[in-house]
Amino acid sequence: MKELLNRLISHETISKEEAKRVLISISKGEYNDSQIAAFLTVYMMRSITLHELEGFRDALLELCLPVDLQQYDPIDLCGTGGDGKDTFNISTLASFVTAGAGIPVAKHGNYGVSSGCGSSNVMEYLGIKFSSDKDFLEKSMDEAGICFLHAALFHPAMKKVAPIRKSLAVKTFFNMLGPMVNPAFPKKQVVGVFNLELARMYGYLYQKTDKEFTILHSLDGYDEISLTGNTKFISNSSEGVLKPEDLGVKQISAEDISGGSTVKSAATVFMNVLEGKGTEAQNNVVCANAGIAVHTASGISPAAGFEKAKESLLSGKALKSFKKLQQLSQV
């Protein structure tokens, strides 16, 4: 590690193979906390390269405990986090709306590190059981149309890093990796990223896979469609800019989608939206992201996907999906 740190501190980059090797060594407990913290800190001070990101991703996928849900052909909606916006849990809510629209979802999530409330925080608060048991996950898919894959259960190799990330409490390159290492290896994915540079890297890496994907970055900094402005998208077949009016809705303000600073406040907004008590802005931003998932999974237009998402939310189908998962969690 000493030689590697010296190189990185001297502004050198490392190869894909070196990146993969160092992450595997970290998982084996070969380095102490100070060395790991120093390694993470380097990547807060300079941009990660494409080869480094690819090597880190390959290491985590190799080390993860996979779960086979291919029979459901699920989609995942997952953001990198790290945008510093403290929104409510938009992609998690959008996952239930997507499931309510009849698209199976294998939602990968984790506790918040750089934000007040990650998807795992709000799911845990609302009584959703974290499990890696295949029977439970299949039952969840069969009956609720969605399962929740809590990252820590499937990535035991990262146990060593978790407390260090928590104590640093800022975004690290692990934020960049989260969406890429879903242990169900879904063939369909909507990914939100916190900057355009990362969107480009994700686009390049995902083009080399057999996934149907849409990568999103709101041009004012959100790792999802925020409707506070325009959103850059990159997919298998195209890239461009999505405007609120393309979905038939108005632009909203940052205050309209805040509410993620504490787990309690995030959970309150979460249930209000599902129970039909959300504001128009909250409903629209959730349905915009779910609509892109429907579009990605089924090939219909984003505007048609938005309408299907709206129907799922307003008819109570999304709430039904959530209540079913909540019920299965208590058995």
C-alpha atoms as a PDB file:
ATOM      1  CA  MET A   1       0.000   0.000   0.000  1.00  0.00           C
ATOM      2  CA  LYS A   2       2.856   2.403   0.799  1.00  0.00           C
ATOM      3  CA  GLU A   3       4.195   2.248  -2.759  1.00  0.00           C
ATOM      4  CA  LEU A   4       0.692   2.622  -4.183  1.00  0.00           C
ATOM      5  CA  LEU A   5      -0.090   5.632  -1.971  1.00  0.00           C
ATOM      6  CA  ASN A   6       3.188   7.315  -2.939  1.00  0.00           C
ATOM      7  CA  ARG A   7       2.318   6.908  -6.600  1.00  0.00           C
ATOM      8  CA  LEU A   8      -1.221   8.214  -6.126  1.00  0.00           C
ATOM      9  CA  ILE A   9      -0.045  11.184  -4.045  1.00  0.00           C
ATOM     10  CA  SER A  10       2.402  11.951  -6.874  1.00  0.00           C
ATOM     11  CA  HIS A  11      -0.642  12.287  -9.181  1.00  0.00           C
ATOM     12  CA  GLU A  12      -0.067   8.967 -10.933  1.00  0.00           C
ATOM     13  CA  THR A  13      -2.999   6.767 -11.880  1.00  0.00           C
ATOM     14  CA  ILE A  14      -3.248   3.000 -11.475  1.00  0.00           C
ATOM     15  CA  SER A  15      -4.268   0.343 -13.965  1.00  0.00           C
ATOM     16  CA  LYS A  16      -7.547  -1.560 -14.019  1.00  0.00           C
ATOM     17  CA  GLU A  17      -5.748  -4.663 -12.702  1.00  0.00           C
ATOM     18  CA  GLU A  18      -4.045  -2.728  -9.883  1.00  0.00           C
ATOM     19  CA  ALA A  19      -7.341  -1.153  -8.868  1.00  0.00           C
ATOM     20  CA  LYS A  20      -9.011  -4.552  -8.742  1.00  0.00           C
ATOM     21  CA  ARG A  21      -6.118  -6.034  -6.753  1.00  0.00           C
ATOM     22  CA  VAL A  22      -6.028  -3.270  -4.123  1.00  0.00           C
ATOM     23  CA  LEU A  23      -9.753  -3.538  -3.440  1.00  0.00           C
ATOM     24  CA  ILE A  24      -9.475  -7.305  -3.027  1.00  0.00           C
ATOM     25  CA  SER A  25      -6.556  -6.751  -0.612  1.00  0.00           C
ATOM     26  CA  ILE A  26      -8.631  -4.238   1.382  1.00  0.00           C
ATOM     27  CA  SER A  27     -11.426  -6.810   1.634  1.00  0.00           C
ATOM     28  CA  LYS A  28      -8.991  -9.389   2.979  1.00  0.00           C
ATOM     29  CA  GLY A  29      -7.966  -7.039   5.784  1.00  0.00           C
ATOM     30  CA  GLU A  30      -4.419  -6.581   4.526  1.00  0.00           C
ATOM     31  CA  TYR A  31      -4.370  -2.827   5.269  1.00  0.00           C
ATOM     32  CA  ASN A  32      -5.059  -0.834   8.424  1.00  0.00           C
ATOM     33  CA  ASP A  33      -7.739   1.843   8.800  1.00  0.00           C
ATOM     34  CA  SER A  34      -5.310   4.730   8.315  1.00  0.00           C
ATOM     35  CA  GLN A  35      -4.035   3.286   5.038  1.00  0.00           C
ATOM     36  CA  ILE A  36      -7.580   2.727   3.774  1.00  0.00           C
ATOM     37  CA  ALA A  37      -8.637   6.256   4.795  1.00  0.00           C
ATOM     38  CA  ALA A  38      -5.612   7.698   2.986  1.00  0.00           C
ATOM     39  CA  PHE A  39      -6.447   5.653  -0.105  1.00  0.00           C
ATOM     40  CA  LEU A  40     -10.055   6.903  -0.097  1.00  0.00           C
ATOM     41  CA  THR A  41      -8.904  10.490   0.468  1.00  0.00           C
ATOM     42  CA  VAL A  42      -6.801  10.502  -2.704  1.00  0.00           C
ATOM     43  CA  TYR A  43      -9.960  10.058  -4.743  1.00  0.00           C
ATOM     44  CA  MET A  44     -11.646  12.963  -3.009  1.00  0.00           C
ATOM     45  CA  MET A  45      -8.853  15.202  -4.283  1.00  0.00           C
ATOM     46  CA  ARG A  46      -8.685  14.068  -7.884  1.00  0.00           C
ATOM     47  CA  SER A  47     -10.986  12.490 -10.438  1.00  0.00           C
ATOM     48  CA  ILE A  48     -11.098   8.735 -10.760  1.00  0.00           C
ATOM     49  CA  THR A  49     -10.046   7.348 -14.147  1.00  0.00           C
ATOM     50  CA  LEU A  50     -12.162   5.038 -16.247  1.00  0.00           C
ATOM     51  CA  HIS A  51      -9.732   2.131 -15.747  1.00  0.00           C
ATOM     52  CA  GLU A  52      -9.648   2.635 -11.975  1.00  0.00           C
ATOM     53  CA  LEU A  53     -13.444   2.698 -11.781  1.00  0.00           C
ATOM     54  CA  GLU A  54     -13.678  -0.427 -13.934  1.00  0.00           C
ATOM     55  CA  GLY A  55     -11.136  -2.262 -11.766  1.00  0.00           C
ATOM     56  CA  PHE A  56     -12.926  -1.338  -8.532  1.00  0.00           C
ATOM     57  CA  ARG A  57     -16.264  -2.451 -10.034  1.00  0.00           C
ATOM     58  CA  ASP A  58     -14.832  -5.785 -11.199  1.00  0.00           C
ATOM     59  CA  ALA A  59     -13.392  -6.469  -7.730  1.00  0.00           C
ATOM     60  CA  LEU A  60     -16.725  -5.847  -5.982  1.00  0.00           C
ATOM     61  CA  LEU A  61     -18.669  -7.955  -8.470  1.00  0.00           C
ATOM     62  CA  GLU A  62     -16.183 -10.785  -8.072  1.00  0.00           C
ATOM     63  CA  LEU A  63     -16.379 -10.598  -4.272  1.00  0.00           C
ATOM     64  CA  CYS A  64     -20.154 -10.187  -3.933  1.00  0.00           C
ATOM     65  CA  LEU A  65     -22.633 -12.881  -2.934  1.00  0.00           C
ATOM     66  CA  PRO A  66     -24.794 -13.109  -6.072  1.00  0.00           C
ATOM     67  CA  VAL A  67     -28.524 -13.814  -6.049  1.00  0.00           C
ATOM     68  CA  ASP A  68     -30.186 -15.199  -9.170  1.00  0.00           C
ATOM     69  CA  LEU A  69     -33.403 -13.342  -9.978  1.00  0.00           C
ATOM     70  CA  GLN A  70     -33.051 -13.547 -13.754  1.00  0.00           C
ATOM     71  CA  GLN A  71     -36.419 -15.303 -14.109  1.00  0.00           C
ATOM     72  CA  TYR A  72     -38.054 -11.968 -13.216  1.00  0.00           C
ATOM     73  CA  ASP A  73     -35.881  -9.884 -15.560  1.00  0.00           C
ATOM     74  CA  PRO A  74     -35.929  -7.062 -12.980  1.00  0.00           C
ATOM     75  CA  ILE A  75     -34.861  -3.450 -13.289  1.00  0.00           C
ATOM     76  CA  ASP A  76     -32.893  -1.522 -10.641  1.00  0.00           C
ATOM     77  CA  LEU A  77     -33.292   2.189  -9.925  1.00  0.00           C
ATOM     78  CA  CYS A  78     -30.258   3.377  -8.036  1.00  0.00           C
ATOM     79  CA  GLY A  79     -28.408   6.658  -7.616  1.00  0.00           C
ATOM     80  CA  THR A  80     -24.821   7.213  -6.598  1.00  0.00           C
ATOM     81  CA  GLY A  81     -25.830   9.654  -3.853  1.00  0.00           C
ATOM     82  CA  GLY A  82     -23.166  12.177  -3.053  1.00  0.00           C
ATOM     83  CA  ASP A  83     -24.971  15.102  -4.678  1.00  0.00           C
ATOM     84  CA  GLY A  84     -25.308  16.899  -1.318  1.00  0.00           C
ATOM     85  CA  LYS A  85     -28.923  17.873  -2.026  1.00  0.00           C
ATOM     86  CA  ASP A  86     -30.723  16.135   0.894  1.00  0.00           C
ATOM     87  CA  THR A  87     -33.792  15.276  -1.148  1.00  0.00           C
ATOM     88  CA  PHE A  88     -36.306  12.736   0.067  1.00  0.00           C
ATOM     89  CA  ASN A  89     -35.788   9.163  -1.200  1.00  0.00           C
ATOM     90  CA  ILE A  90     -36.917   9.718  -4.767  1.00  0.00           C
ATOM     91  CA  SER A  91     -35.400   6.636  -6.437  1.00  0.00           C
ATOM     92  CA  THR A  92     -36.652   4.322  -3.669  1.00  0.00           C
ATOM     93  CA  LEU A  93     -40.182   5.708  -4.002  1.00  0.00           C
ATOM     94  CA  ALA A  94     -39.874   5.479  -7.780  1.00  0.00           C
ATOM     95  CA  SER A  95     -38.962   1.800  -7.362  1.00  0.00           C
ATOM     96  CA  PHE A  96     -42.318   1.040  -5.722  1.00  0.00           C
ATOM     97  CA  VAL A  97     -44.146   3.104  -8.346  1.00  0.00           C
ATOM     98  CA  THR A  98     -42.340   1.104 -11.052  1.00  0.00           C
ATOM     99  CA  ALA A  99     -43.307  -2.171  -9.356  1.00  0.00           C
ATOM    100  CA  GLY A 100     -46.896  -0.929  -9.112  1.00  0.00           C
ATOM    101  CA  ALA A 101     -46.804  -0.316 -12.865  1.00  0.00           C
ATOM    102  CA  GLY A 102     -46.064  -4.020 -13.398  1.00  0.00           C
ATOM    103  CA  ILE A 103     -42.288  -3.810 -13.926  1.00  0.00           C
ATOM    104  CA  PRO A 104     -40.378  -6.169 -11.541  1.00  0.00           C
ATOM    105  CA  VAL A 105     -37.743  -4.332  -9.471  1.00  0.00           C
ATOM    106  CA  ALA A 106     -34.620  -5.585  -7.670  1.00  0.00           C
ATOM    107  CA  LYS A 107     -33.735  -2.441  -5.700  1.00  0.00           C
ATOM    108  CA  HIS A 108     -30.131  -2.229  -4.515  1.00  0.00           C
ATOM    109  CA  GLY A 109     -29.576   0.170  -1.606  1.00  0.00           C
ATOM    110  CA  ASN A 110     -27.486   1.079   1.379  1.00  0.00           C
ATOM    111  CA  TYR A 111     -27.355   3.323   4.434  1.00  0.00           C
ATOM    112  CA  GLY A 112     -26.623   6.982   3.752  1.00  0.00           C
ATOM    113  CA  VAL A 113     -22.986   7.965   4.129  1.00  0.00           C
ATOM    114  CA  SER A 114     -22.712  11.471   2.693  1.00  0.00           C
ATOM    115  CA  SER A 115     -26.461  12.108   3.045  1.00  0.00           C
ATOM    116  CA  GLY A 116     -28.787  12.066   6.036  1.00  0.00           C
ATOM    117  CA  CYS A 117     -30.878   9.185   4.843  1.00  0.00           C
ATOM    118  CA  GLY A 118     -30.045   6.459   2.331  1.00  0.00           C
ATOM    119  CA  SER A 119     -32.599   4.002   0.964  1.00  0.00           C
ATOM    120  CA  SER A 120     -31.697   1.376   3.587  1.00  0.00           C
ATOM    121  CA  ASN A 121     -32.263   3.900   6.402  1.00  0.00           C
ATOM    122  CA  VAL A 122     -35.815   4.658   5.323  1.00  0.00           C
ATOM    123  CA  MET A 123     -36.645   1.019   4.478  1.00  0.00           C
ATOM    124  CA  GLU A 124     -35.422  -0.136   7.872  1.00  0.00           C
ATOM    125  CA  TYR A 125     -37.355   2.646   9.637  1.00  0.00           C
ATOM    126  CA  LEU A 126     -40.538   1.559   7.841  1.00  0.00           C
ATOM    127  CA  GLY A 127     -40.128  -2.084   8.803  1.00  0.00           C
ATOM    128  CA  ILE A 128     -38.758  -3.618   5.613  1.00  0.00           C
ATOM    129  CA  LYS A 129     -36.713  -6.740   6.368  1.00  0.00           C
ATOM    130  CA  PHE A 130     -33.166  -7.002   5.019  1.00  0.00           C
ATOM    131  CA  SER A 131     -32.475 -10.514   3.815  1.00  0.00           C
ATOM    132  CA  SER A 132     -30.198 -12.378   1.438  1.00  0.00           C
ATOM    133  CA  ASP A 133     -32.400 -15.485   1.598  1.00  0.00           C
ATOM    134  CA  LYS A 134     -33.330 -16.403  -1.979  1.00  0.00           C
ATOM    135  CA  ASP A 135     -36.733 -17.817  -0.995  1.00  0.00           C
ATOM    136  CA  PHE A 136     -37.690 -14.574   0.753  1.00  0.00           C
ATOM    137  CA  LEU A 137     -36.460 -12.475  -2.164  1.00  0.00           C
ATOM    138  CA  GLU A 138     -38.386 -14.602  -4.676  1.00  0.00           C
ATOM    139  CA  LYS A 139     -41.519 -14.417  -2.519  1.00  0.00           C
ATOM    140  CA  SER A 140     -41.100 -10.629  -2.433  1.00  0.00           C
ATOM    141  CA  MET A 141     -40.819 -10.533  -6.217  1.00  0.00           C
ATOM    142  CA  ASP A 142     -43.799 -12.867  -6.692  1.00  0.00           C
ATOM    143  CA  GLU A 143     -46.135 -11.058  -4.317  1.00  0.00           C
ATOM    144  CA  ALA A 144     -44.930  -7.437  -4.179  1.00  0.00           C
ATOM    145  CA  GLY A 145     -43.206  -7.147  -7.549  1.00  0.00           C
ATOM    146  CA  ILE A 146     -40.111  -5.806  -5.800  1.00  0.00           C
ATOM    147  CA  CYS A 147     -37.341  -6.952  -3.480  1.00  0.00           C
ATOM    148  CA  PHE A 148     -34.856  -4.854  -1.538  1.00  0.00           C
ATOM    149  CA  LEU A 149     -31.187  -5.845  -1.681  1.00  0.00           C
ATOM    150  CA  HIS A 150     -29.368  -4.240   1.261  1.00  0.00           C
ATOM    151  CA  ALA A 151     -25.804  -3.835   0.006  1.00  0.00           C
ATOM    152  CA  ALA A 152     -24.025  -4.896   3.211  1.00  0.00           C
ATOM    153  CA  LEU A 153     -25.595  -8.378   3.084  1.00  0.00           C
ATOM    154  CA  PHE A 154     -24.266  -9.034  -0.401  1.00  0.00           C
ATOM    155  CA  HIS A 155     -20.902  -7.285  -0.160  1.00  0.00           C
ATOM    156  CA  PRO A 156     -19.316  -8.683   3.020  1.00  0.00           C
ATOM    157  CA  ALA A 157     -15.917  -7.788   1.579  1.00  0.00           C
ATOM    158  CA  MET A 158     -16.667  -4.130   2.264  1.00  0.00           C
ATOM    159  CA  LYS A 159     -17.278  -4.607   5.987  1.00  0.00           C
ATOM    160  CA  LYS A 160     -13.779  -3.284   6.638  1.00  0.00           C
ATOM    161  CA  VAL A 161     -14.505  -0.067   4.733  1.00  0.00           C
ATOM    162  CA  ALA A 162     -17.992   0.738   6.079  1.00  0.00           C
ATOM    163  CA  PRO A 163     -16.959   2.274   9.446  1.00  0.00           C
ATOM    164  CA  ILE A 164     -14.211   4.292   7.756  1.00  0.00           C
ATOM    165  CA  ARG A 165     -16.671   5.681   5.195  1.00  0.00           C
ATOM    166  CA  LYS A 166     -19.077   6.492   8.001  1.00  0.00           C
ATOM    167  CA  SER A 167     -16.463   8.363  10.024  1.00  0.00           C
ATOM    168  CA  LEU A 168     -15.268  10.302   6.951  1.00  0.00           C
ATOM    169  CA  ALA A 169     -18.948  11.170   6.206  1.00  0.00           C
ATOM    170  CA  VAL A 170     -18.182  12.495   2.713  1.00  0.00           C
ATOM    171  CA  LYS A 171     -18.647  10.940  -0.681  1.00  0.00           C
ATOM    172  CA  THR A 172     -15.922   8.524  -1.778  1.00  0.00           C
ATOM    173  CA  PHE A 173     -15.470   6.436  -4.903  1.00  0.00           C
ATOM    174  CA  PHE A 174     -17.715   3.824  -3.261  1.00  0.00           C
ATOM    175  CA  ASN A 175     -20.628   6.177  -4.028  1.00  0.00           C
ATOM    176  CA  MET A 176     -19.691   5.802  -7.678  1.00  0.00           C
ATOM    177  CA  LEU A 177     -19.672   2.012  -7.425  1.00  0.00           C
ATOM    178  CA  GLY A 178     -22.997   1.369  -5.658  1.00  0.00           C
ATOM    179  CA  PRO A 179     -25.280   1.292  -8.706  1.00  0.00           C
ATOM    180  CA  MET A 180     -22.841  -0.870 -10.683  1.00  0.00           C
ATOM    181  CA  VAL A 181     -22.625  -3.733  -8.197  1.00  0.00           C
ATOM    182  CA  ASN A 182     -26.217  -4.949  -7.759  1.00  0.00           C
ATOM    183  CA  PRO A 183     -25.796  -8.614  -6.708  1.00  0.00           C
ATOM    184  CA  ALA A 184     -28.782  -9.668  -8.846  1.00  0.00           C
ATOM    185  CA  PHE A 185     -26.862  -8.544 -11.971  1.00  0.00           C
ATOM    186  CA  PRO A 186     -30.045  -7.015 -13.499  1.00  0.00           C
ATOM    187  CA  LYS A 187     -30.158  -6.610 -17.276  1.00  0.00           C
ATOM    188  CA  LYS A 188     -32.131  -3.367 -16.975  1.00  0.00           C
ATOM    189  CA  GLN A 189     -31.105  -0.337 -14.978  1.00  0.00           C
ATOM    190  CA  VAL A 190     -31.757   3.340 -14.353  1.00  0.00           C
ATOM    191  CA  VAL A 191     -28.734   5.000 -12.770  1.00  0.00           C
ATOM    192  CA  GLY A 192     -28.476   8.513 -11.366  1.00  0.00           C
ATOM    193  CA  VAL A 193     -25.012  10.055 -11.033  1.00  0.00           C
ATOM    194  CA  PHE A 194     -23.769  13.212  -9.312  1.00  0.00           C
ATOM    195  CA  ASN A 195     -21.806  14.778 -12.164  1.00  0.00           C
ATOM    196  CA  LEU A 196     -21.486  14.761 -15.942  1.00  0.00           C
ATOM    197  CA  GLU A 197     -17.982  13.315 -15.953  1.00  0.00           C
ATOM    198  CA  LEU A 198     -19.247  10.243 -14.111  1.00  0.00           C
ATOM    199  CA  ALA A 199     -22.247  10.014 -16.448  1.00  0.00           C
ATOM    200  CA  ARG A 200     -19.824   9.744 -19.361  1.00  0.00           C
ATOM    201  CA  MET A 201     -17.775   7.037 -17.636  1.00  0.00           C
ATOM    202  CA  TYR A 202     -20.882   5.068 -16.731  1.00  0.00           C
ATOM    203  CA  GLY A 203     -22.077   5.397 -20.321  1.00  0.00           C
ATOM    204  CA  TYR A 204     -18.817   3.983 -21.635  1.00  0.00           C
ATOM    205  CA  LEU A 205     -18.748   1.075 -19.159  1.00  0.00           C
ATOM    206  CA  TYR A 206     -22.430   0.222 -19.629  1.00  0.00           C
ATOM    207  CA  GLN A 207     -22.102   0.220 -23.425  1.00  0.00           C
ATOM    208  CA  LYS A 208     -19.714  -2.727 -22.954  1.00  0.00           C
ATOM    209  CA  THR A 209     -22.435  -4.755 -21.161  1.00  0.00           C
ATOM    210  CA  ASP A 210     -25.662  -6.369 -22.362  1.00  0.00           C
ATOM    211  CA  LYS A 211     -27.830  -4.094 -20.176  1.00  0.00           C
ATOM    212  CA  GLU A 212     -30.749  -1.918 -21.197  1.00  0.00           C
ATOM    213  CA  PHE A 213     -29.861   1.262 -19.326  1.00  0.00           C
ATOM    214  CA  THR A 214     -30.550   4.941 -18.834  1.00  0.00           C
ATOM    215  CA  ILE A 215     -28.023   7.104 -16.984  1.00  0.00           C
ATOM    216  CA  LEU A 216     -29.343  10.370 -15.537  1.00  0.00           C
ATOM    217  CA  HIS A 217     -27.802  13.574 -14.239  1.00  0.00           C
ATOM    218  CA  SER A 218     -29.753  16.774 -13.579  1.00  0.00           C
ATOM    219  CA  LEU A 219     -27.698  19.614 -14.949  1.00  0.00           C
ATOM    220  CA  ASP A 220     -28.059  21.557 -11.699  1.00  0.00           C
ATOM    221  CA  GLY A 221     -26.383  18.737  -9.764  1.00  0.00           C
ATOM    222  CA  TYR A 222     -28.904  16.059  -8.745  1.00  0.00           C
ATOM    223  CA  ASP A 223     -28.241  12.343  -9.184  1.00  0.00           C
ATOM    224  CA  GLU A 224     -31.735  11.796 -10.651  1.00  0.00           C
ATOM    225  CA  ILE A 225     -34.417  13.676 -12.575  1.00  0.00           C
ATOM    226  CA  SER A 226     -35.160  16.561 -10.219  1.00  0.00           C
ATOM    227  CA  LEU A 227     -37.487  18.644 -12.441  1.00  0.00           C
ATOM    228  CA  THR A 228     -35.651  21.684 -11.041  1.00  0.00           C
ATOM    229  CA  GLY A 229     -34.116  22.037 -14.499  1.00  0.00           C
ATOM    230  CA  ASN A 230     -33.038  19.896 -17.433  1.00  0.00           C
ATOM    231  CA  THR A 231     -31.619  16.377 -17.138  1.00  0.00           C
ATOM    232  CA  LYS A 232     -28.857  14.838 -19.222  1.00  0.00           C
ATOM    233  CA  PHE A 233     -29.559  11.226 -20.185  1.00  0.00           C
ATOM    234  CA  ILE A 234     -27.413   8.554 -21.800  1.00  0.00           C
ATOM    235  CA  SER A 235     -28.935   5.248 -22.923  1.00  0.00           C
ATOM    236  CA  ASN A 236     -28.022   2.285 -25.134  1.00  0.00           C
ATOM    237  CA  SER A 237     -29.236   3.986 -28.272  1.00  0.00           C
ATOM    238  CA  SER A 238     -29.176   7.708 -27.645  1.00  0.00           C
ATOM    239  CA  GLU A 239     -28.271  10.620 -25.454  1.00  0.00           C
ATOM    240  CA  GLY A 240     -29.782  14.009 -24.985  1.00  0.00           C
ATOM    241  CA  VAL A 241     -31.511  16.379 -22.596  1.00  0.00           C
ATOM    242  CA  LEU A 242     -34.897  15.759 -20.988  1.00  0.00           C
ATOM    243  CA  LYS A 243     -36.880  18.862 -20.013  1.00  0.00           C
ATOM    244  CA  PRO A 244     -39.777  18.990 -17.535  1.00  0.00           C
ATOM    245  CA  GLU A 245     -42.100  20.068 -20.362  1.00  0.00           C
ATOM    246  CA  ASP A 246     -41.199  16.866 -22.279  1.00  0.00           C
ATOM    247  CA  LEU A 247     -43.185  15.059 -19.579  1.00  0.00           C
ATOM    248  CA  GLY A 248     -45.957  17.655 -19.573  1.00  0.00           C
ATOM    249  CA  VAL A 249     -45.026  19.112 -16.182  1.00  0.00           C
ATOM    250  CA  LYS A 250     -43.700  22.418 -14.853  1.00  0.00           C
ATOM    251  CA  GLN A 251     -40.253  23.111 -13.487  1.00  0.00           C
ATOM    252  CA  ILE A 252     -40.129  22.997  -9.679  1.00  0.00           C
ATOM    253  CA  SER A 253     -37.844  24.443  -6.984  1.00  0.00           C
ATOM    254  CA  ALA A 254     -35.244  22.714  -4.798  1.00  0.00           C
ATOM    255  CA  GLU A 255     -37.424  23.315  -1.722  1.00  0.00           C
ATOM    256  CA  ASP A 256     -40.204  21.255  -3.323  1.00  0.00           C
ATOM    257  CA  ILE A 257     -38.126  18.062  -3.148  1.00  0.00           C
ATOM    258  CA  SER A 258     -36.186  18.517   0.092  1.00  0.00           C
ATOM    259  CA  GLY A 259     -36.923  16.326   3.093  1.00  0.00           C
ATOM    260  CA  GLY A 260     -34.065  13.886   3.466  1.00  0.00           C
ATOM    261  CA  SER A 261     -32.055  15.437   6.294  1.00  0.00           C
ATOM    262  CA  THR A 262     -33.332  12.947   8.904  1.00  0.00           C
ATOM    263  CA  VAL A 263     -34.670   9.418   8.612  1.00  0.00           C
ATOM    264  CA  LYS A 264     -37.933  10.427  10.276  1.00  0.00           C
ATOM    265  CA  SER A 265     -38.600  13.331   7.896  1.00  0.00           C
ATOM    266  CA  ALA A 266     -37.658  11.216   4.872  1.00  0.00           C
ATOM    267  CA  ALA A 267     -39.974   8.406   6.018  1.00  0.00           C
ATOM    268  CA  THR A 268     -42.827  10.878   6.553  1.00  0.00           C
ATOM    269  CA  VAL A 269     -42.497  12.237   3.011  1.00  0.00           C
ATOM    270  CA  PHE A 270     -42.127   8.675   1.701  1.00  0.00           C
ATOM    271  CA  MET A 271     -45.424   7.510   3.189  1.00  0.00           C
ATOM    272  CA  ASN A 272     -47.250  10.769   2.362  1.00  0.00           C
ATOM    273  CA  VAL A 273     -46.405  10.337  -1.314  1.00  0.00           C
ATOM    274  CA  LEU A 274     -47.391   6.648  -1.395  1.00  0.00           C
ATOM    275  CA  GLU A 275     -50.636   7.321   0.481  1.00  0.00           C
ATOM    276  CA  GLY A 276     -51.735  10.022  -1.949  1.00  0.00           C
ATOM    277  CA  LYS A 277     -50.899  12.936   0.359  1.00  0.00           C
ATOM    278  CA  GLY A 278     -47.825  14.110  -1.533  1.00  0.00           C
ATOM    279  CA  THR A 279     -47.619  17.505  -3.188  1.00  0.00           C
ATOM    280  CA  GLU A 280     -47.920  17.779  -6.958  1.00  0.00           C
ATOM    281  CA  ALA A 281     -44.172  18.482  -7.185  1.00  0.00           C
ATOM    282  CA  GLN A 282     -43.287  15.421  -5.055  1.00  0.00           C
ATOM    283  CA  ASN A 283     -45.595  13.185  -7.089  1.00  0.00           C
ATOM    284  CA  ASN A 284     -44.241  14.502 -10.374  1.00  0.00           C
ATOM    285  CA  VAL A 285     -40.571  14.034  -9.494  1.00  0.00           C
ATOM    286  CA  VAL A 286     -41.173  10.473  -8.285  1.00  0.00           C
ATOM    287  CA  CYS A 287     -43.204   9.627 -11.388  1.00  0.00           C
ATOM    288  CA  ALA A 288     -40.622  11.235 -13.678  1.00  0.00           C
ATOM    289  CA  ASN A 289     -37.967   8.829 -12.392  1.00  0.00           C
ATOM    290  CA  ALA A 290     -40.325   5.833 -12.354  1.00  0.00           C
ATOM    291  CA  GLY A 291     -41.441   6.805 -15.847  1.00  0.00           C
ATOM    292  CA  ILE A 292     -37.875   6.554 -17.126  1.00  0.00           C
ATOM    293  CA  ALA A 293     -37.667   3.077 -15.545  1.00  0.00           C
ATOM    294  CA  VAL A 294     -40.873   2.048 -17.339  1.00  0.00           C
ATOM    295  CA  HIS A 295     -39.450   3.531 -20.565  1.00  0.00           C
ATOM    296  CA  THR A 296     -36.134   1.691 -20.101  1.00  0.00           C
ATOM    297  CA  ALA A 297     -37.818  -1.637 -19.336  1.00  0.00           C
ATOM    298  CA  SER A 298     -40.572  -1.558 -21.936  1.00  0.00           C
ATOM    299  CA  GLY A 299     -39.415   0.755 -24.711  1.00  0.00           C
ATOM    300  CA  ILE A 300     -42.381   3.139 -24.546  1.00  0.00           C
ATOM    301  CA  SER A 301     -41.659   6.876 -24.644  1.00  0.00           C
ATOM    302  CA  PRO A 302     -40.601   8.716 -21.457  1.00  0.00           C
ATOM    303  CA  ALA A 303     -43.879  10.685 -21.582  1.00  0.00           C
ATOM    304  CA  ALA A 304     -45.927   7.465 -21.831  1.00  0.00           C
ATOM    305  CA  GLY A 305     -43.796   5.957 -19.054  1.00  0.00           C
ATOM    306  CA  PHE A 306     -44.552   8.997 -16.904  1.00  0.00           C
ATOM    307  CA  GLU A 307     -48.307   8.491 -17.429  1.00  0.00           C
ATOM    308  CA  LYS A 308     -48.045   4.799 -16.478  1.00  0.00           C
ATOM    309  CA  ALA A 309     -46.099   5.770 -13.354  1.00  0.00           C
ATOM    310  CA  LYS A 310     -48.692   8.394 -12.454  1.00  0.00           C
ATOM    311  CA  GLU A 311     -51.450   5.797 -12.758  1.00  0.00           C
ATOM    312  CA  SER A 312     -49.494   3.390 -10.506  1.00  0.00           C
ATOM    313  CA  LEU A 313     -49.079   6.047  -7.819  1.00  0.00           C
ATOM    314  CA  LEU A 314     -52.520   7.654  -7.914  1.00  0.00           C
ATOM    315  CA  SER A 315     -54.421   4.349  -8.131  1.00  0.00           C
ATOM    316  CA  GLY A 316     -52.698   3.027  -5.010  1.00  0.00           C
ATOM    317  CA  LYS A 317     -50.848   0.212  -6.825  1.00  0.00           C
ATOM    318  CA  ALA A 318     -47.476   1.527  -5.633  1.00  0.00           C
ATOM    319  CA  LEU A 319     -48.741   1.662  -2.036  1.00  0.00           C
ATOM    320  CA  LYS A 320     -50.098  -1.883  -2.382  1.00  0.00           C
ATOM    321  CA  SER A 321     -46.665  -3.084  -3.519  1.00  0.00           C
ATOM    322  CA  PHE A 322     -45.021  -1.402  -0.517  1.00  0.00           C
ATOM    323  CA  LYS A 323     -47.603  -2.723   1.974  1.00  0.00           C
ATOM    324  CA  LYS A 324     -47.107  -6.249   0.626  1.00  0.00           C
ATOM    325  CA  LEU A 325     -43.332  -6.047   1.122  1.00  0.00           C
ATOM    326  CA  GLN A 326     -43.918  -4.627   4.609  1.00  0.00           C
ATOM    327  CA  GLN A 327     -46.269  -7.515   5.384  1.00  0.00           C
ATOM    328  CA  LEU A 328     -43.836 -10.155   4.102  1.00  0.00           C
ATOM    329  CA  SER A 329     -41.141  -8.583   6.278  1.00  0.00           C
ATOM    330  CA  GLN A 330     -43.132  -9.291   9.425  1.00  0.00           C
ATOM    331  CA  VAL A 331     -43.709 -13.021   8.855  1.00  0.00           C
END
